[in-house]
């Protein structure tokens, strides 16, 4: 679980700091209300792709006895949704970066306490 948390934190920091990723995320956020295709891409980019990726990861963790057996799609949604929300907070208020990263880490640590097999 520690490796999962550290890997996810590194990806989040990249997402928050890479200029191309940041600009793309902001453009998608603004245009999603004017363009149906952009709205679809935004949903896929911000949530669905991540949820699908983590669903597969968590299914593998369940098979290996790392995570408690439960609904992997729901668990993936629980894992990624707060992060997406917090990254959007950072986009609006970059001065809150440290707070956002701390909340994300606490969320991951709580997730591990709840779902990790002991």
Protein backbone atom coordinates (compact mmCIF):
# COMPACT_ATOMS: atom_id res chain seq x y z
CA UNK A 1 0.00 0.00 0.00
CA UNK A 2 2.89 2.36 0.70
CA UNK A 3 4.14 1.87 -2.85
CA UNK A 4 0.65 2.60 -4.22
CA UNK A 5 0.44 5.81 -2.20
CA UNK A 6 3.90 7.03 -3.22
CA UNK A 7 3.30 6.19 -6.88
CA UNK A 8 -0.06 7.99 -6.86
CA UNK A 9 1.46 11.03 -5.12
CA UNK A 10 4.17 11.29 -7.77
CA UNK A 11 1.56 11.14 -10.56
CA UNK A 12 -0.50 13.81 -8.81
CA UNK A 13 2.48 16.13 -8.43
CA UNK A 14 3.23 15.69 -12.13
CA UNK A 15 -0.42 16.42 -12.97
CA UNK A 16 -0.37 19.54 -10.82
CA UNK A 17 2.93 20.93 -12.14
CA UNK A 18 3.30 19.91 -15.78
CA UNK A 19 2.40 23.00 -17.84
CA UNK A 20 0.80 21.08 -20.71
CA UNK A 21 -1.31 18.93 -18.38
CA UNK A 22 -2.37 21.96 -16.32
CA UNK A 23 -3.32 24.02 -19.36
CA UNK A 24 -5.19 21.13 -20.93
CA UNK A 25 -7.11 20.50 -17.70
CA UNK A 26 -8.07 24.18 -17.44
CA UNK A 27 -9.15 24.43 -21.06
CA UNK A 28 -11.27 21.30 -20.70
CA UNK A 29 -12.82 22.65 -17.50
CA UNK A 30 -13.82 25.92 -19.19
CA UNK A 31 -14.98 24.51 -22.51
CA UNK A 32 -16.96 21.55 -21.16
CA UNK A 33 -20.06 23.74 -20.79
CA UNK A 34 -19.94 25.02 -24.38
CA UNK A 35 -18.99 21.93 -26.30
CA UNK A 36 -20.57 18.50 -25.90
CA UNK A 37 -17.49 16.69 -27.23
CA UNK A 38 -15.26 18.54 -24.77
CA UNK A 39 -17.69 17.67 -21.96
CA UNK A 40 -17.35 13.99 -22.90
CA UNK A 41 -13.55 14.23 -23.03
CA UNK A 42 -13.48 16.01 -19.69
CA UNK A 43 -15.50 13.27 -18.01
CA UNK A 44 -13.30 10.61 -19.55
CA UNK A 45 -10.05 12.42 -18.66
CA UNK A 46 -10.92 13.56 -15.13
CA UNK A 47 -12.63 10.47 -13.83
CA UNK A 48 -13.46 7.53 -16.09
CA UNK A 49 -9.95 6.69 -17.31
CA UNK A 50 -8.53 6.91 -13.79
CA UNK A 51 -11.38 4.88 -12.35
CA UNK A 52 -10.89 2.17 -14.99
CA UNK A 53 -7.14 2.06 -14.37
CA UNK A 54 -7.52 1.79 -10.59
CA UNK A 55 -10.37 -0.74 -10.92
CA UNK A 56 -7.90 -3.05 -12.66
CA UNK A 57 -5.17 -2.36 -10.11
CA UNK A 58 -7.51 -2.99 -7.20
CA UNK A 59 -8.85 -6.20 -8.75
CA UNK A 60 -5.27 -7.45 -8.88
CA UNK A 61 -4.67 -6.34 -5.28
CA UNK A 62 -7.79 -8.23 -4.19
CA UNK A 63 -6.64 -11.38 -5.98
CA UNK A 64 -3.26 -11.12 -4.22
CA UNK A 65 -4.86 -10.51 -0.82
CA UNK A 66 -3.55 -6.94 -0.54
CA UNK A 67 -7.02 -5.35 -0.47
CA UNK A 68 -10.23 -6.57 1.08
CA UNK A 69 -12.55 -8.14 -1.45
CA UNK A 70 -15.25 -5.65 -2.38
CA UNK A 71 -16.61 -3.87 -5.46
CA UNK A 72 -13.41 -2.76 -7.26
CA UNK A 73 -15.23 -0.14 -9.37
CA UNK A 74 -16.72 1.50 -6.29
CA UNK A 75 -13.41 1.37 -4.46
CA UNK A 76 -11.67 2.96 -7.45
CA UNK A 77 -14.30 5.72 -7.49
CA UNK A 78 -13.71 6.31 -3.79
CA UNK A 79 -9.95 6.45 -4.40
CA UNK A 80 -9.91 8.91 -7.33
CA UNK A 81 -12.89 11.23 -6.78
CA UNK A 82 -11.55 13.21 -3.80
CA UNK A 83 -8.23 13.63 -5.60
CA UNK A 84 -9.93 15.08 -8.67
CA UNK A 85 -11.85 17.50 -6.47
CA UNK A 86 -8.70 18.58 -4.64
CA UNK A 87 -6.74 19.08 -7.86
CA UNK A 88 -9.51 21.36 -9.09
CA UNK A 89 -9.22 23.28 -5.82
CA UNK A 90 -5.48 23.65 -6.47
CA UNK A 91 -6.18 24.89 -10.02
CA UNK A 92 -8.35 27.67 -8.62
CA UNK A 93 -6.11 28.40 -5.63
CA UNK A 94 -2.50 27.34 -6.32
CA UNK A 95 -1.37 28.96 -3.07
CA UNK A 96 -3.13 26.04 -1.31
CA UNK A 97 -0.81 23.44 -2.88
CA UNK A 98 0.68 22.21 0.38
CA UNK A 99 -2.77 21.87 1.95
CA UNK A 100 -4.09 20.02 -1.11
CA UNK A 101 -1.17 17.59 -1.18
CA UNK A 102 -1.53 16.95 2.56
CA UNK A 103 -5.25 16.23 2.18
CA UNK A 104 -4.60 13.88 -0.73
CA UNK A 105 -1.97 11.98 1.25
CA UNK A 106 -4.30 11.74 4.27
CA UNK A 107 -7.06 10.49 1.98
CA UNK A 108 -4.75 7.76 0.63
CA UNK A 109 -3.60 6.79 4.12
CA UNK A 110 -7.21 6.54 5.28
CA UNK A 111 -8.06 4.50 2.19
CA UNK A 112 -5.26 2.08 3.08
CA UNK A 113 -6.52 1.74 6.67
CA UNK A 114 -10.04 0.98 5.48
CA UNK A 115 -9.32 -1.37 2.56
CA UNK A 116 -5.95 -3.01 3.17
CA UNK A 117 -5.98 -6.63 4.26
CA UNK A 118 -4.21 -6.94 7.53
